Amino acid sequence: MIDLYYAPTPNGHKITLFLEEAELAYRLLKVDISRGNQFRPDFLAISPNNKIPAIVDHAPADGGQPLSLFESGEILLYLAEKAANCLAGSCVNAISRYSGCSGRSAG
């Protein structure tokens, strides 16, 4: 099960659309950004940049501990890998390349 921390923004909608199309099980958890809930310590533990969307995958493919991700692009790449819907080469390499540059464009 994936917890999706969400607000009704374009980036939030991207993730819900993908989850629906990929038929991945998820739970929607609304983050009320108008009340500043993105600054709460429990949310900052998941998304240190205090932005939505963010996810926690409670059943990662490696069987390890729950995995939290933030930044919509990185989340989409991860979900594509999880759903086995990646069409281009190795998703692991793509995610690695994206992760290297996503920090430079985050903000």
PDB file of N, CA and C in Angstrom:
ATOM      1  N   MET A   1       0.848  -1.178   0.000  1.00  0.00           N
ATOM      2  CA  MET A   1       0.000   0.000   0.000  1.00  0.00           C
ATOM      3  C   MET A   1       0.894   1.241   0.000  1.00  0.00           C
ATOM      4  N   ILE A   2       0.476   2.208  -0.769  1.00  0.00           N
ATOM      5  CA  ILE A   2       1.199   3.475  -0.868  1.00  0.00           C
ATOM      6  C   ILE A   2       0.359   4.566  -0.227  1.00  0.00           C
ATOM      7  N   ASP A   3       0.960   5.332   0.651  1.00  0.00           N
ATOM      8  CA  ASP A   3       0.316   6.533   1.187  1.00  0.00           C
ATOM      9  C   ASP A   3       0.736   7.699   0.305  1.00  0.00           C
ATOM     10  N   LEU A   4      -0.248   8.409  -0.231  1.00  0.00           N
ATOM     11  CA  LEU A   4       0.024   9.590  -1.047  1.00  0.00           C
ATOM     12  C   LEU A   4      -0.375  10.821  -0.261  1.00  0.00           C
ATOM     13  N   TYR A   5       0.593  11.642   0.059  1.00  0.00           N
ATOM     14  CA  TYR A   5       0.358  12.923   0.725  1.00  0.00           C
ATOM     15  C   TYR A   5       0.113  13.934  -0.381  1.00  0.00           C
ATOM     16  N   TYR A   6      -1.061  14.530  -0.358  1.00  0.00           N
ATOM     17  CA  TYR A   6      -1.635  15.163  -1.535  1.00  0.00           C
ATOM     18  C   TYR A   6      -2.284  16.496  -1.205  1.00  0.00           C
ATOM     19  N   ALA A   7      -2.215  17.396  -2.146  1.00  0.00           N
ATOM     20  CA  ALA A   7      -3.047  18.598  -2.180  1.00  0.00           C
ATOM     21  C   ALA A   7      -3.497  18.730  -3.635  1.00  0.00           C
ATOM     22  N   PRO A   8      -4.662  19.314  -3.874  1.00  0.00           N
ATOM     23  CA  PRO A   8      -5.188  19.385  -5.244  1.00  0.00           C
ATOM     24  C   PRO A   8      -4.458  20.432  -6.094  1.00  0.00           C
ATOM     25  N   THR A   9      -3.242  20.105  -6.453  1.00  0.00           N
ATOM     26  CA  THR A   9      -2.402  20.955  -7.300  1.00  0.00           C
ATOM     27  C   THR A   9      -2.035  20.144  -8.543  1.00  0.00           C
ATOM     28  N   PRO A  10      -1.508  20.778  -9.580  1.00  0.00           N
ATOM     29  CA  PRO A  10      -1.110  20.003 -10.762  1.00  0.00           C
ATOM     30  C   PRO A  10      -0.153  18.853 -10.438  1.00  0.00           C
ATOM     31  N   ASN A  11       0.839  19.092  -9.599  1.00  0.00           N
ATOM     32  CA  ASN A  11       1.768  18.016  -9.254  1.00  0.00           C
ATOM     33  C   ASN A  11       1.089  16.910  -8.459  1.00  0.00           C
ATOM     34  N   GLY A  12       0.166  17.269  -7.601  1.00  0.00           N
ATOM     35  CA  GLY A  12      -0.591  16.257  -6.873  1.00  0.00           C
ATOM     36  C   GLY A  12      -1.446  15.419  -7.801  1.00  0.00           C
ATOM     37  N   HIS A  13      -2.066  16.064  -8.775  1.00  0.00           N
ATOM     38  CA  HIS A  13      -2.914  15.340  -9.727  1.00  0.00           C
ATOM     39  C   HIS A  13      -2.107  14.370 -10.586  1.00  0.00           C
ATOM     40  N   LYS A  14      -0.874  14.724 -10.928  1.00  0.00           N
ATOM     41  CA  LYS A  14      -0.035  13.830 -11.735  1.00  0.00           C
ATOM     42  C   LYS A  14       0.085  12.465 -11.073  1.00  0.00           C
ATOM     43  N   ILE A  15       0.306  12.490  -9.772  1.00  0.00           N
ATOM     44  CA  ILE A  15       0.547  11.235  -9.058  1.00  0.00           C
ATOM     45  C   ILE A  15      -0.736  10.424  -8.950  1.00  0.00           C
ATOM     46  N   THR A  16      -1.845  11.079  -8.624  1.00  0.00           N
ATOM     47  CA  THR A  16      -3.107  10.323  -8.524  1.00  0.00           C
ATOM     48  C   THR A  16      -3.480   9.719  -9.869  1.00  0.00           C
ATOM     49  N   LEU A  17      -3.276  10.459 -10.941  1.00  0.00           N
ATOM     50  CA  LEU A  17      -3.580   9.919 -12.271  1.00  0.00           C
ATOM     51  C   LEU A  17      -2.737   8.684 -12.563  1.00  0.00           C
ATOM     52  N   PHE A  18      -1.458   8.752 -12.247  1.00  0.00           N
ATOM     53  CA  PHE A  18      -0.593   7.600 -12.506  1.00  0.00           C
ATOM     54  C   PHE A  18      -1.008   6.408 -11.657  1.00  0.00           C
ATOM     55  N   LEU A  19      -1.252   6.630 -10.378  1.00  0.00           N
ATOM     56  CA  LEU A  19      -1.647   5.527  -9.500  1.00  0.00           C
ATOM     57  C   LEU A  19      -2.921   4.852  -9.995  1.00  0.00           C
ATOM     58  N   GLU A  20      -3.874   5.653 -10.431  1.00  0.00           N
ATOM     59  CA  GLU A  20      -5.123   5.092 -10.956  1.00  0.00           C
ATOM     60  C   GLU A  20      -4.873   4.286 -12.228  1.00  0.00           C
ATOM     61  N   GLU A  21      -4.135   4.855 -13.163  1.00  0.00           N
ATOM     62  CA  GLU A  21      -3.879   4.174 -14.435  1.00  0.00           C
ATOM     63  C   GLU A  21      -3.067   2.896 -14.242  1.00  0.00           C
ATOM     64  N   ALA A  22      -2.128   2.910 -13.306  1.00  0.00           N
ATOM     65  CA  ALA A  22      -1.294   1.741 -13.044  1.00  0.00           C
ATOM     66  C   ALA A  22      -1.989   0.736 -12.131  1.00  0.00           C
ATOM     67  N   GLU A  23      -3.139   1.112 -11.611  1.00  0.00           N
ATOM     68  CA  GLU A  23      -3.918   0.258 -10.704  1.00  0.00           C
ATOM     69  C   GLU A  23      -3.108  -0.171  -9.483  1.00  0.00           C
ATOM     70  N   LEU A  24      -2.346   0.777  -8.940  1.00  0.00           N
ATOM     71  CA  LEU A  24      -1.606   0.531  -7.705  1.00  0.00           C
ATOM     72  C   LEU A  24      -2.475   0.937  -6.522  1.00  0.00           C
ATOM     73  N   ALA A  25      -2.450   0.129  -5.478  1.00  0.00           N
ATOM     74  CA  ALA A  25      -3.241   0.430  -4.280  1.00  0.00           C
ATOM     75  C   ALA A  25      -2.622   1.605  -3.542  1.00  0.00           C
ATOM     76  N   TYR A  26      -3.466   2.569  -3.187  1.00  0.00           N
ATOM     77  CA  TYR A  26      -2.964   3.731  -2.460  1.00  0.00           C
ATOM     78  C   TYR A  26      -4.039   4.300  -1.548  1.00  0.00           C
ATOM     79  N   ARG A  27      -3.554   5.066  -0.591  1.00  0.00           N
ATOM     80  CA  ARG A  27      -4.429   5.785   0.336  1.00  0.00           C
ATOM     81  C   ARG A  27      -4.099   7.261   0.196  1.00  0.00           C
ATOM     82  N   LEU A  28      -5.124   8.062  -0.001  1.00  0.00           N
ATOM     83  CA  LEU A  28      -4.965   9.502  -0.195  1.00  0.00           C
ATOM     84  C   LEU A  28      -5.008  10.207   1.161  1.00  0.00           C
ATOM     85  N   LEU A  29      -3.966  10.958   1.470  1.00  0.00           N
ATOM     86  CA  LEU A  29      -3.873  11.699   2.723  1.00  0.00           C
ATOM     87  C   LEU A  29      -3.703  13.173   2.379  1.00  0.00           C
ATOM     88  N   LYS A  30      -4.744  13.942   2.586  1.00  0.00           N
ATOM     89  CA  LYS A  30      -4.718  15.349   2.200  1.00  0.00           C
ATOM     90  C   LYS A  30      -3.832  16.149   3.155  1.00  0.00           C
ATOM     91  N   VAL A  31      -2.991  16.977   2.571  1.00  0.00           N
ATOM     92  CA  VAL A  31      -2.147  17.904   3.319  1.00  0.00           C
ATOM     93  C   VAL A  31      -2.725  19.292   3.061  1.00  0.00           C
ATOM     94  N   ASP A  32      -3.236  19.907   4.107  1.00  0.00           N
ATOM     95  CA  ASP A  32      -3.872  21.221   3.964  1.00  0.00           C
ATOM     96  C   ASP A  32      -2.794  22.303   3.979  1.00  0.00           C
ATOM     97  N   ILE A  33      -2.335  22.664   2.786  1.00  0.00           N
ATOM     98  CA  ILE A  33      -1.255  23.652   2.697  1.00  0.00           C
ATOM     99  C   ILE A  33      -1.735  25.052   3.056  1.00  0.00           C
ATOM    100  N   SER A  34      -3.043  25.281   3.017  1.00  0.00           N
ATOM    101  CA  SER A  34      -3.560  26.601   3.412  1.00  0.00           C
ATOM    102  C   SER A  34      -3.450  26.812   4.919  1.00  0.00           C
ATOM    103  N   ARG A  35      -3.320  25.723   5.664  1.00  0.00           N
ATOM    104  CA  ARG A  35      -3.152  25.800   7.124  1.00  0.00           C
ATOM    105  C   ARG A  35      -1.713  25.548   7.558  1.00  0.00           C
ATOM    106  N   GLY A  36      -0.840  25.364   6.588  1.00  0.00           N
ATOM    107  CA  GLY A  36       0.566  25.149   6.920  1.00  0.00           C
ATOM    108  C   GLY A  36       0.901  23.743   7.380  1.00  0.00           C
ATOM    109  N   ASN A  37       0.042  22.770   7.079  1.00  0.00           N
ATOM    110  CA  ASN A  37       0.297  21.401   7.532  1.00  0.00           C
ATOM    111  C   ASN A  37       1.562  20.792   6.929  1.00  0.00           C
ATOM    112  N   GLN A  38       2.052  21.377   5.842  1.00  0.00           N
ATOM    113  CA  GLN A  38       3.280  20.866   5.232  1.00  0.00           C
ATOM    114  C   GLN A  38       4.511  21.168   6.085  1.00  0.00           C
ATOM    115  N   PHE A  39       4.344  21.972   7.122  1.00  0.00           N
ATOM    116  CA  PHE A  39       5.453  22.305   8.014  1.00  0.00           C
ATOM    117  C   PHE A  39       5.432  21.494   9.309  1.00  0.00           C
ATOM    118  N   ARG A  40       4.476  20.593   9.447  1.00  0.00           N
ATOM    119  CA  ARG A  40       4.394  19.766  10.653  1.00  0.00           C
ATOM    120  C   ARG A  40       5.543  18.762  10.667  1.00  0.00           C
ATOM    121  N   PRO A  41       6.093  18.493  11.846  1.00  0.00           N
ATOM    122  CA  PRO A  41       7.234  17.572  11.930  1.00  0.00           C
ATOM    123  C   PRO A  41       6.964  16.199  11.320  1.00  0.00           C
ATOM    124  N   ASP A  42       5.747  15.669  11.482  1.00  0.00           N
ATOM    125  CA  ASP A  42       5.462  14.348  10.921  1.00  0.00           C
ATOM    126  C   ASP A  42       5.517  14.363   9.392  1.00  0.00           C
ATOM    127  N   PHE A  43       5.097  15.470   8.775  1.00  0.00           N
ATOM    128  CA  PHE A  43       5.180  15.564   7.321  1.00  0.00           C
ATOM    129  C   PHE A  43       6.609  15.843   6.869  1.00  0.00           C
ATOM    130  N   LEU A  44       7.339  16.668   7.600  1.00  0.00           N
ATOM    131  CA  LEU A  44       8.729  16.965   7.245  1.00  0.00           C
ATOM    132  C   LEU A  44       9.614  15.719   7.297  1.00  0.00           C
ATOM    133  N   ALA A  45       9.240  14.735   8.104  1.00  0.00           N
ATOM    134  CA  ALA A  45       9.985  13.476   8.142  1.00  0.00           C
ATOM    135  C   ALA A  45       9.846  12.714   6.823  1.00  0.00           C
ATOM    136  N   ILE A  46       8.763  12.961   6.095  1.00  0.00           N
ATOM    137  CA  ILE A  46       8.509  12.309   4.808  1.00  0.00           C
ATOM    138  C   ILE A  46       9.014  13.169   3.660  1.00  0.00           C
ATOM    139  N   SER A  47       8.761  14.463   3.749  1.00  0.00           N
ATOM    140  CA  SER A  47       9.130  15.402   2.691  1.00  0.00           C
ATOM    141  C   SER A  47       9.916  16.562   3.300  1.00  0.00           C
ATOM    142  N   PRO A  48      11.236  16.408   3.430  1.00  0.00           N
ATOM    143  CA  PRO A  48      12.040  17.435   4.093  1.00  0.00           C
ATOM    144  C   PRO A  48      11.991  18.809   3.425  1.00  0.00           C
ATOM    145  N   ASN A  49      11.574  18.865   2.155  1.00  0.00           N
ATOM    146  CA  ASN A  49      11.468  20.169   1.496  1.00  0.00           C
ATOM    147  C   ASN A  49      10.080  20.779   1.676  1.00  0.00           C
ATOM    148  N   ASN A  50       9.254  20.164   2.511  1.00  0.00           N
ATOM    149  CA  ASN A  50       7.912  20.615   2.911  1.00  0.00           C
ATOM    150  C   ASN A  50       6.961  20.848   1.736  1.00  0.00           C
ATOM    151  N   LYS A  51       7.127  20.060   0.677  1.00  0.00           N
ATOM    152  CA  LYS A  51       6.254  20.217  -0.487  1.00  0.00           C
ATOM    153  C   LYS A  51       5.492  18.933  -0.761  1.00  0.00           C
ATOM    154  N   ILE A  52       4.362  19.099  -1.424  1.00  0.00           N
ATOM    155  CA  ILE A  52       3.607  17.945  -1.886  1.00  0.00           C
ATOM    156  C   ILE A  52       3.774  17.858  -3.397  1.00  0.00           C
ATOM    157  N   PRO A  53       3.617  16.693  -3.956  1.00  0.00           N
ATOM    158  CA  PRO A  53       3.230  15.432  -3.342  1.00  0.00           C
ATOM    159  C   PRO A  53       4.427  14.730  -2.703  1.00  0.00           C
ATOM    160  N   ALA A  54       4.094  13.766  -1.878  1.00  0.00           N
ATOM    161  CA  ALA A  54       5.076  12.860  -1.294  1.00  0.00           C
ATOM    162  C   ALA A  54       4.385  11.515  -1.131  1.00  0.00           C
ATOM    163  N   ILE A  55       5.166  10.454  -1.150  1.00  0.00           N
ATOM    164  CA  ILE A  55       4.588   9.129  -0.941  1.00  0.00           C
ATOM    165  C   ILE A  55       5.396   8.371   0.099  1.00  0.00           C
ATOM    166  N   VAL A  56       4.736   7.404   0.711  1.00  0.00           N
ATOM    167  CA  VAL A  56       5.407   6.384   1.508  1.00  0.00           C
ATOM    168  C   VAL A  56       4.926   5.052   0.958  1.00  0.00           C
ATOM    169  N   ASP A  57       5.862   4.256   0.447  1.00  0.00           N
ATOM    170  CA  ASP A  57       5.537   2.921  -0.045  1.00  0.00           C
ATOM    171  C   ASP A  57       5.812   1.950   1.093  1.00  0.00           C
ATOM    172  N   HIS A  58       4.750   1.349   1.609  1.00  0.00           N
ATOM    173  CA  HIS A  58       4.886   0.426   2.736  1.00  0.00           C
ATOM    174  C   HIS A  58       5.281  -0.975   2.288  1.00  0.00           C
ATOM    175  N   ALA A  59       5.337  -1.202   0.982  1.00  0.00           N
ATOM    176  CA  ALA A  59       5.726  -2.510   0.450  1.00  0.00           C
ATOM    177  C   ALA A  59       6.676  -2.324  -0.733  1.00  0.00           C
ATOM    178  N   PRO A  60       7.883  -1.785  -0.474  1.00  0.00           N
ATOM    179  CA  PRO A  60       8.818  -1.603  -1.587  1.00  0.00           C
ATOM    180  C   PRO A  60       9.244  -2.951  -2.174  1.00  0.00           C
ATOM    181  N   ALA A  61       9.674  -2.929  -3.415  1.00  0.00           N
ATOM    182  CA  ALA A  61      10.010  -4.156  -4.138  1.00  0.00           C
ATOM    183  C   ALA A  61      11.103  -4.970  -3.450  1.00  0.00           C
ATOM    184  N   ASP A  62      12.012  -4.310  -2.748  1.00  0.00           N
ATOM    185  CA  ASP A  62      13.096  -5.043  -2.094  1.00  0.00           C
ATOM    186  C   ASP A  62      12.675  -5.665  -0.771  1.00  0.00           C
ATOM    187  N   GLY A  63      11.428  -5.443  -0.368  1.00  0.00           N
ATOM    188  CA  GLY A  63      10.930  -6.017   0.875  1.00  0.00           C
ATOM    189  C   GLY A  63      11.446  -5.329   2.122  1.00  0.00           C
ATOM    190  N   GLY A  64      12.120  -4.218   1.948  1.00  0.00           N
ATOM    191  CA  GLY A  64      12.708  -3.506   3.076  1.00  0.00           C
ATOM    192  C   GLY A  64      11.719  -2.621   3.811  1.00  0.00           C
ATOM    193  N   GLN A  65      12.271  -1.700   4.551  1.00  0.00           N
ATOM    194  CA  GLN A  65      11.489  -0.751   5.332  1.00  0.00           C
ATOM    195  C   GLN A  65      10.672   0.154   4.410  1.00  0.00           C
ATOM    196  N   PRO A  66       9.598   0.755   4.936  1.00  0.00           N
ATOM    197  CA  PRO A  66       8.833   1.710   4.127  1.00  0.00           C
ATOM    198  C   PRO A  66       9.752   2.781   3.542  1.00  0.00           C
ATOM    199  N   LEU A  67       9.449   3.156   2.318  1.00  0.00           N
ATOM    200  CA  LEU A  67      10.278   4.094   1.572  1.00  0.00           C
ATOM    201  C   LEU A  67       9.495   5.370   1.321  1.00  0.00           C
ATOM    202  N   SER A  68      10.066   6.513   1.682  1.00  0.00           N
ATOM    203  CA  SER A  68       9.408   7.789   1.397  1.00  0.00           C
ATOM    204  C   SER A  68      10.130   8.486   0.251  1.00  0.00           C
ATOM    205  N   LEU A  69       9.324   9.115  -0.607  1.00  0.00           N
ATOM    206  CA  LEU A  69       9.842   9.861  -1.754  1.00  0.00           C
ATOM    207  C   LEU A  69       9.083  11.162  -1.880  1.00  0.00           C
ATOM    208  N   PHE A  70       9.767  12.179  -2.377  1.00  0.00           N
ATOM    209  CA  PHE A  70       9.125  13.457  -2.668  1.00  0.00           C
ATOM    210  C   PHE A  70       9.682  13.953  -3.991  1.00  0.00           C
ATOM    211  N   GLU A  71       9.107  15.002  -4.546  1.00  0.00           N
ATOM    212  CA  GLU A  71       9.366  15.528  -5.886  1.00  0.00           C
ATOM    213  C   GLU A  71       8.596  14.673  -6.893  1.00  0.00           C
ATOM    214  N   SER A  72       7.648  15.276  -7.580  1.00  0.00           N
ATOM    215  CA  SER A  72       6.727  14.534  -8.439  1.00  0.00           C
ATOM    216  C   SER A  72       7.435  13.740  -9.534  1.00  0.00           C
ATOM    217  N   GLY A  73       8.480  14.277 -10.133  1.00  0.00           N
ATOM    218  CA  GLY A  73       9.189  13.550 -11.180  1.00  0.00           C
ATOM    219  C   GLY A  73       9.814  12.266 -10.672  1.00  0.00           C
ATOM    220  N   GLU A  74      10.447  12.345  -9.533  1.00  0.00           N
ATOM    221  CA  GLU A  74      11.081  11.164  -8.955  1.00  0.00           C
ATOM    222  C   GLU A  74      10.033  10.141  -8.521  1.00  0.00           C
ATOM    223  N   ILE A  75       8.920  10.619  -7.978  1.00  0.00           N
ATOM    224  CA  ILE A  75       7.826   9.720  -7.593  1.00  0.00           C
ATOM    225  C   ILE A  75       7.302   8.979  -8.818  1.00  0.00           C
ATOM    226  N   LEU A  76       7.088   9.690  -9.920  1.00  0.00           N
ATOM    227  CA  LEU A  76       6.569   9.051 -11.133  1.00  0.00           C
ATOM    228  C   LEU A  76       7.527   7.996 -11.671  1.00  0.00           C
ATOM    229  N   LEU A  77       8.816   8.277 -11.667  1.00  0.00           N
ATOM    230  CA  LEU A  77       9.788   7.274 -12.110  1.00  0.00           C
ATOM    231  C   LEU A  77       9.752   6.043 -11.211  1.00  0.00           C
ATOM    232  N   TYR A  78       9.683   6.254  -9.923  1.00  0.00           N
ATOM    233  CA  TYR A  78       9.618   5.140  -8.978  1.00  0.00           C
ATOM    234  C   TYR A  78       8.360   4.307  -9.210  1.00  0.00           C
ATOM    235  N   LEU A  79       7.225   4.977  -9.364  1.00  0.00           N
ATOM    236  CA  LEU A  79       5.967   4.256  -9.563  1.00  0.00           C
ATOM    237  C   LEU A  79       5.960   3.490 -10.882  1.00  0.00           C
ATOM    238  N   ALA A  80       6.586   4.047 -11.917  1.00  0.00           N
ATOM    239  CA  ALA A  80       6.680   3.333 -13.195  1.00  0.00           C
ATOM    240  C   ALA A  80       7.462   2.040 -13.024  1.00  0.00           C
ATOM    241  N   GLU A  81       8.547   2.113 -12.282  1.00  0.00           N
ATOM    242  CA  GLU A  81       9.332   0.910 -11.996  1.00  0.00           C
ATOM    243  C   GLU A  81       8.500  -0.085 -11.201  1.00  0.00           C
ATOM    244  N   LYS A  82       7.815   0.390 -10.196  1.00  0.00           N
ATOM    245  CA  LYS A  82       7.011  -0.487  -9.345  1.00  0.00           C
ATOM    246  C   LYS A  82       5.892  -1.154 -10.134  1.00  0.00           C
ATOM    247  N   ALA A  83       5.295  -0.434 -11.042  1.00  0.00           N
ATOM    248  CA  ALA A  83       4.173  -0.965 -11.813  1.00  0.00           C
ATOM    249  C   ALA A  83       4.639  -1.811 -12.998  1.00  0.00           C
ATOM    250  N   ALA A  84       5.935  -1.913 -13.193  1.00  0.00           N
ATOM    251  CA  ALA A  84       6.496  -2.667 -14.313  1.00  0.00           C
ATOM    252  C   ALA A  84       5.981  -2.141 -15.644  1.00  0.00           C
ATOM    253  N   ASN A  85       5.761  -0.837 -15.707  1.00  0.00           N
ATOM    254  CA  ASN A  85       5.277  -0.209 -16.929  1.00  0.00           C
ATOM    255  C   ASN A  85       6.344   0.647 -17.582  1.00  0.00           C
ATOM    256  N   CYS A  86       7.574   0.487 -17.173  1.00  0.00           N
ATOM    257  CA  CYS A  86       8.639   1.296 -17.754  1.00  0.00           C
ATOM    258  C   CYS A  86       8.946   0.773 -19.149  1.00  0.00           C
ATOM    259  N   LEU A  87       8.861   1.641 -20.136  1.00  0.00           N
ATOM    260  CA  LEU A  87       9.021   1.222 -21.522  1.00  0.00           C
ATOM    261  C   LEU A  87      10.434   1.404 -22.049  1.00  0.00           C
ATOM    262  N   ALA A  88      11.232   2.213 -21.403  1.00  0.00           N
ATOM    263  CA  ALA A  88      12.540   2.550 -21.960  1.00  0.00           C
ATOM    264  C   ALA A  88      13.661   2.022 -21.086  1.00  0.00           C
ATOM    265  N   GLY A  89      14.364   1.023 -21.557  1.00  0.00           N
ATOM    266  CA  GLY A  89      15.576   0.540 -20.906  1.00  0.00           C
ATOM    267  C   GLY A  89      15.421   0.245 -19.431  1.00  0.00           C
ATOM    268  N   SER A  90      16.467   0.513 -18.705  1.00  0.00           N
ATOM    269  CA  SER A  90      16.496   0.251 -17.278  1.00  0.00           C
ATOM    270  C   SER A  90      15.996   1.455 -16.499  1.00  0.00           C
ATOM    271  N   CYS A  91      14.903   1.262 -15.796  1.00  0.00           N
ATOM    272  CA  CYS A  91      14.367   2.358 -14.982  1.00  0.00           C
ATOM    273  C   CYS A  91      15.324   2.725 -13.858  1.00  0.00           C
ATOM    274  N   VAL A  92      16.050   1.745 -13.365  1.00  0.00           N
ATOM    275  CA  VAL A  92      16.975   2.038 -12.274  1.00  0.00           C
ATOM    276  C   VAL A  92      17.998   3.067 -12.740  1.00  0.00           C
ATOM    277  N   ASN A  93      18.530   2.895 -13.945  1.00  0.00           N
ATOM    278  CA  ASN A  93      19.490   3.869 -14.470  1.00  0.00           C
ATOM    279  C   ASN A  93      18.835   5.218 -14.702  1.00  0.00           C
ATOM    280  N   ALA A  94      17.603   5.212 -15.198  1.00  0.00           N
ATOM    281  CA  ALA A  94      16.894   6.472 -15.431  1.00  0.00           C
ATOM    282  C   ALA A  94      16.655   7.200 -14.122  1.00  0.00           C
ATOM    283  N   ILE A  95      16.256   6.455 -13.102  1.00  0.00           N
ATOM    284  CA  ILE A  95      16.008   7.069 -11.797  1.00  0.00           C
ATOM    285  C   ILE A  95      17.309   7.638 -11.246  1.00  0.00           C
ATOM    286  N   SER A  96      18.385   6.903 -11.403  1.00  0.00           N
ATOM    287  CA  SER A  96      19.680   7.371 -10.923  1.00  0.00           C
ATOM    288  C   SER A  96      20.083   8.668 -11.622  1.00  0.00           C
ATOM    289  N   ARG A  97      19.908   8.710 -12.938  1.00  0.00           N
ATOM    290  CA  ARG A  97      20.239   9.933 -13.676  1.00  0.00           C
ATOM    291  C   ARG A  97      19.345  11.084 -13.243  1.00  0.00           C
ATOM    292  N   TYR A  98      18.049  10.817 -13.097  1.00  0.00           N
ATOM    293  CA  TYR A  98      17.118  11.869 -12.707  1.00  0.00           C
ATOM    294  C   TYR A  98      17.440  12.368 -11.303  1.00  0.00           C
ATOM    295  N   SER A  99      17.731  11.448 -10.401  1.00  0.00           N
ATOM    296  CA  SER A  99      18.016  11.833  -9.018  1.00  0.00           C
ATOM    297  C   SER A  99      19.215  12.756  -8.948  1.00  0.00           C
ATOM    298  N   GLY A 100      20.168  12.539  -9.826  1.00  0.00           N
ATOM    299  CA  GLY A 100      21.360  13.371  -9.825  1.00  0.00           C
ATOM    300  C   GLY A 100      21.093  14.809 -10.210  1.00  0.00           C
ATOM    301  N   CYS A 101      20.076  15.039 -11.020  1.00  0.00           N
ATOM    302  CA  CYS A 101      19.819  16.410 -11.463  1.00  0.00           C
ATOM    303  C   CYS A 101      18.575  17.009 -10.823  1.00  0.00           C
ATOM    304  N   SER A 102      17.737  16.195 -10.185  1.00  0.00           N
ATOM    305  CA  SER A 102      16.490  16.743  -9.645  1.00  0.00           C
ATOM    306  C   SER A 102      16.747  17.724  -8.515  1.00  0.00           C
ATOM    307  N   GLY A 103      17.803  17.508  -7.749  1.00  0.00           N
ATOM    308  CA  GLY A 103      18.110  18.436  -6.674  1.00  0.00           C
ATOM    309  C   GLY A 103      18.487  19.811  -7.180  1.00  0.00           C
ATOM    310  N   ARG A 104      19.067  19.862  -8.368  1.00  0.00           N
ATOM    311  CA  ARG A 104      19.450  21.145  -8.943  1.00  0.00           C
ATOM    312  C   ARG A 104      18.244  21.936  -9.423  1.00  0.00           C
ATOM    313  N   SER A 105      17.159  21.223  -9.759  1.00  0.00           N
ATOM    314  CA  SER A 105      15.985  21.932 -10.270  1.00  0.00           C
ATOM    315  C   SER A 105      14.890  22.070  -9.223  1.00  0.00           C
ATOM    316  N   ALA A 106      15.078  21.463  -8.059  1.00  0.00           N
ATOM    317  CA  ALA A 106      14.057  21.549  -7.005  1.00  0.00           C
ATOM    318  C   ALA A 106      14.059  22.951  -6.434  1.00  0.00           C
ATOM    319  N   GLY A 107      12.897  23.345  -5.998  1.00  0.00           N
ATOM    320  CA  GLY A 107      12.902  24.668  -5.395  1.00  0.00           C
ATOM    321  C   GLY A 107      11.625  25.259  -5.332  1.00  0.00           C
TER     322      GLY A 107
END
